């Protein structure tokens, strides 16, 4: 989705995904990512289904539709959030747009960012997670992004929590996310980041930005 569009326009496009059940049918994996890589150049929900029409002859077409819709939704939400960060005067965008580990820089620190739904696998309530952010961050590093996005470097997690349980829908609430990110950056202090020693000789810094709706 073109990032020169207003955030509200991108938000409206993403919310068209809400009309369909959110199901993967399978774990995200590199081979199915390759099949659905057209999502990167598909900028509207209608264009996504035009691209999917070429796959209709496949026996697993329904699975591909679910998989592609989710990847399209997550990717374009993530790019919009990255743009929200980059719009802040405190943030310097990473010039290499293909850099796998860095999206932007804040006060001299490199960061990747990831928007993630509140994890059921944590088996803890949100009240516990908000009181133990470092434990939640460690869980996220250890249990998420097992494919191309797997790494143990600096990351800011945007954790979305929907009071009615539809956490995934909040990835489209870009105005709400923008408000949370702006508030976080206005009070950013790198000395308050959580630090981890995941790898010998390398310190990892991370934090959580909560988006609750």
Protein backbone atom coordinates (compact mmCIF):
# COMPACT_ATOMS: atom_id res chain seq x y z
CA UNK A 1 0.00 0.00 0.00
CA UNK A 2 1.40 3.36 -0.96
CA UNK A 3 2.67 5.12 2.14
CA UNK A 4 2.01 8.53 0.62
CA UNK A 5 -1.65 7.82 1.34
CA UNK A 6 -3.14 9.19 4.57
CA UNK A 7 -3.03 6.73 7.46
CA UNK A 8 -6.85 6.84 7.54
CA UNK A 9 -7.02 5.64 3.92
CA UNK A 10 -4.68 2.71 4.56
CA UNK A 11 -6.63 1.92 7.73
CA UNK A 12 -9.89 1.74 5.77
CA UNK A 13 -8.31 -0.59 3.21
CA UNK A 14 -6.98 -2.92 5.90
CA UNK A 15 -10.35 -3.05 7.64
CA UNK A 16 -11.88 -4.67 4.54
CA UNK A 17 -10.07 -7.80 5.73
CA UNK A 18 -12.34 -7.92 8.78
CA UNK A 19 -15.23 -9.28 6.71
CA UNK A 20 -13.49 -12.67 6.46
CA UNK A 21 -12.56 -15.16 9.20
CA UNK A 22 -8.98 -14.85 10.43
CA UNK A 23 -7.45 -18.28 10.05
CA UNK A 24 -4.07 -19.47 8.81
CA UNK A 25 -4.81 -23.13 8.23
CA UNK A 26 -1.09 -23.76 8.68
CA UNK A 27 1.91 -22.18 10.36
CA UNK A 28 3.69 -19.47 8.40
CA UNK A 29 6.54 -21.02 6.49
CA UNK A 30 9.02 -20.05 3.80
CA UNK A 31 7.62 -22.20 0.97
CA UNK A 32 4.09 -20.82 1.30
CA UNK A 33 5.53 -17.32 1.66
CA UNK A 34 7.12 -17.84 -1.76
CA UNK A 35 3.77 -18.84 -3.29
CA UNK A 36 2.08 -15.69 -1.97
CA UNK A 37 4.81 -13.09 -2.43
CA UNK A 38 2.51 -11.11 -4.74
CA UNK A 39 1.09 -9.53 -1.58
CA UNK A 40 4.03 -7.12 -1.48
CA UNK A 41 2.93 -5.41 -4.71
CA UNK A 42 -0.82 -5.68 -4.14
CA UNK A 43 -2.00 -2.38 -2.74
CA UNK A 44 -5.77 -2.80 -2.34
CA UNK A 45 -7.94 -5.59 -1.00
CA UNK A 46 -9.72 -5.85 -4.36
CA UNK A 47 -6.39 -6.20 -6.19
CA UNK A 48 -5.42 -8.96 -3.78
CA UNK A 49 -8.39 -11.06 -4.89
CA UNK A 50 -7.62 -10.33 -8.53
CA UNK A 51 -4.15 -11.81 -7.97
CA UNK A 52 -5.61 -14.77 -6.09
CA UNK A 53 -7.91 -15.56 -9.02
CA UNK A 54 -4.87 -16.96 -10.84
CA UNK A 55 -4.65 -19.68 -8.19
CA UNK A 56 -8.25 -20.93 -8.48
CA UNK A 57 -7.30 -24.16 -10.22
CA UNK A 58 -5.35 -25.35 -7.19
CA UNK A 59 -6.93 -27.92 -4.88
CA UNK A 60 -5.69 -25.94 -1.89
CA UNK A 61 -7.08 -22.62 -3.19
CA UNK A 62 -9.08 -21.92 -0.01
CA UNK A 63 -5.95 -22.34 2.10
CA UNK A 64 -4.00 -20.02 -0.19
CA UNK A 65 -6.71 -17.36 0.09
CA UNK A 66 -6.58 -17.45 3.90
CA UNK A 67 -2.78 -17.44 3.92
CA UNK A 68 -2.48 -14.60 1.40
CA UNK A 69 -5.11 -12.43 3.10
CA UNK A 70 -3.28 -12.72 6.40
CA UNK A 71 0.14 -11.99 4.92
CA UNK A 72 -1.25 -9.01 2.98
CA UNK A 73 -2.94 -7.65 6.10
CA UNK A 74 0.07 -8.11 8.36
CA UNK A 75 2.61 -6.80 5.85
CA UNK A 76 0.77 -3.61 4.93
CA UNK A 77 -0.10 -2.93 8.56
CA UNK A 78 3.59 -3.34 9.46
CA UNK A 79 4.73 -0.98 6.69
CA UNK A 80 2.23 1.63 7.84
CA UNK A 81 3.45 1.30 11.44
CA UNK A 82 7.05 1.64 10.25
CA UNK A 83 6.00 4.84 8.47
CA UNK A 84 4.38 6.08 11.71
CA UNK A 85 7.69 5.61 13.52
CA UNK A 86 9.69 7.22 10.72
CA UNK A 87 7.43 10.29 10.80
CA UNK A 88 8.72 11.17 14.28
CA UNK A 89 11.64 13.63 14.51
CA UNK A 90 13.17 11.29 17.11
CA UNK A 91 13.44 8.47 14.58
CA UNK A 92 15.86 8.02 11.70
CA UNK A 93 14.63 5.54 9.06
CA UNK A 94 16.96 2.78 7.90
CA UNK A 95 18.06 3.74 4.37
CA UNK A 96 18.48 0.14 3.24
CA UNK A 97 14.85 -0.94 2.82
CA UNK A 98 15.96 -4.57 2.41
CA UNK A 99 17.75 -4.67 5.76
CA UNK A 100 16.34 -7.70 7.58
CA UNK A 101 17.29 -6.62 11.11
CA UNK A 102 16.76 -2.85 11.18
CA UNK A 103 13.70 -0.73 10.38
CA UNK A 104 14.83 2.52 12.03
CA UNK A 105 17.17 4.12 14.57
CA UNK A 106 16.33 5.90 17.85
CA UNK A 107 19.02 7.72 19.84
CA UNK A 108 21.77 5.77 18.10
CA UNK A 109 20.16 2.35 18.61
CA UNK A 110 19.02 0.14 15.73
CA UNK A 111 15.52 -1.34 15.97
CA UNK A 112 13.29 -3.76 14.18
CA UNK A 113 9.62 -3.48 15.08
CA UNK A 114 6.90 -6.10 15.25
CA UNK A 115 3.18 -5.77 15.84
CA UNK A 116 1.94 -8.89 17.57
CA UNK A 117 -1.37 -10.00 19.02
CA UNK A 118 -1.44 -10.77 22.72
CA UNK A 119 -0.26 -14.41 22.73
CA UNK A 120 -2.59 -17.15 23.92
CA UNK A 121 0.43 -19.41 24.25
CA UNK A 122 1.75 -17.27 27.08
CA UNK A 123 -1.07 -18.68 29.23
CA UNK A 124 -1.05 -15.59 31.43
CA UNK A 125 -3.62 -12.76 31.69
CA UNK A 126 -2.86 -9.29 30.39
CA UNK A 127 -2.69 -7.98 33.97
CA UNK A 128 0.29 -10.29 34.60
CA UNK A 129 1.93 -9.41 31.28
CA UNK A 130 1.75 -5.67 31.95
CA UNK A 131 3.36 -6.20 35.34
CA UNK A 132 6.10 -8.45 33.89
CA UNK A 133 7.05 -6.87 30.53
CA UNK A 134 10.55 -8.34 30.49
CA UNK A 135 9.18 -11.87 30.88
CA UNK A 136 6.70 -11.25 28.05
CA UNK A 137 9.44 -9.89 25.79
CA UNK A 138 11.62 -12.93 26.43
CA UNK A 139 8.67 -15.19 25.62
CA UNK A 140 8.08 -13.33 22.36
CA UNK A 141 11.72 -13.63 21.28
CA UNK A 142 11.74 -17.33 22.07
CA UNK A 143 8.37 -18.28 20.57
CA UNK A 144 7.65 -16.01 17.61
CA UNK A 145 9.07 -15.33 14.14
CA UNK A 146 10.59 -18.74 13.55
CA UNK A 147 11.10 -18.23 9.80
CA UNK A 148 12.60 -15.30 7.85
CA UNK A 149 11.95 -12.76 10.61
CA UNK A 150 13.69 -14.80 13.34
CA UNK A 151 16.43 -12.85 15.10
CA UNK A 152 17.65 -11.88 18.57
CA UNK A 153 18.55 -8.24 17.90
CA UNK A 154 16.92 -5.02 19.14
CA UNK A 155 13.16 -4.98 18.65
CA UNK A 156 10.21 -2.86 19.72
CA UNK A 157 7.07 -4.94 20.15
CA UNK A 158 3.66 -3.39 19.62
CA UNK A 159 1.35 -5.76 21.48
CA UNK A 160 -2.31 -5.41 20.51
CA UNK A 161 -5.05 -6.51 22.88
CA UNK A 162 -8.74 -6.42 21.99
CA UNK A 163 -11.05 -6.44 25.00
CA UNK A 164 -13.52 -8.69 23.16
CA UNK A 165 -10.78 -11.12 22.11
CA UNK A 166 -10.39 -10.18 18.41
CA UNK A 167 -6.79 -9.04 18.92
CA UNK A 168 -5.90 -9.36 15.22
CA UNK A 169 -8.35 -6.61 14.26
CA UNK A 170 -6.31 -3.99 16.12
CA UNK A 171 -3.52 -4.33 13.54
CA UNK A 172 -5.78 -2.28 11.27
CA UNK A 173 -6.47 0.40 13.89
CA UNK A 174 -3.62 2.56 12.64
CA UNK A 175 -4.93 5.77 14.21
CA UNK A 176 -4.97 4.07 17.61
CA UNK A 177 -1.48 2.64 17.00
CA UNK A 178 -0.22 6.06 15.91
CA UNK A 179 -1.46 7.59 19.17
CA UNK A 180 0.32 4.88 21.21
CA UNK A 181 3.58 5.16 19.25
CA UNK A 182 3.61 8.96 19.44
CA UNK A 183 3.09 8.85 23.20
CA UNK A 184 5.84 6.24 23.61
CA UNK A 185 8.37 8.20 21.56
CA UNK A 186 7.63 11.44 23.39
CA UNK A 187 8.85 9.75 26.58
CA UNK A 188 11.52 7.51 25.04
CA UNK A 189 14.54 6.89 27.25
CA UNK A 190 17.02 4.28 26.08
CA UNK A 191 18.15 3.80 29.68
CA UNK A 192 14.71 2.38 30.49
CA UNK A 193 14.81 -0.29 27.77
CA UNK A 194 14.82 -3.94 28.81
CA UNK A 195 18.16 -5.63 28.13
CA UNK A 196 18.89 -9.30 27.40
CA UNK A 197 21.98 -11.45 26.94
CA UNK A 198 20.59 -13.85 24.35
CA UNK A 199 23.98 -14.25 22.65
CA UNK A 200 27.44 -14.16 24.18
CA UNK A 201 29.05 -10.75 23.80
CA UNK A 202 25.91 -9.14 22.44
CA UNK A 203 23.36 -7.07 24.38
CA UNK A 204 19.79 -6.95 23.05
CA UNK A 205 17.48 -4.03 23.87
CA UNK A 206 13.72 -4.19 23.64
CA UNK A 207 10.45 -2.76 24.89
CA UNK A 208 6.67 -3.08 24.58
CA UNK A 209 4.17 -0.53 23.32
CA UNK A 210 0.68 -1.56 24.37
CA UNK A 211 -2.33 -0.91 22.10
CA UNK A 212 -5.58 -1.84 23.82
CA UNK A 213 -9.03 -1.35 22.38
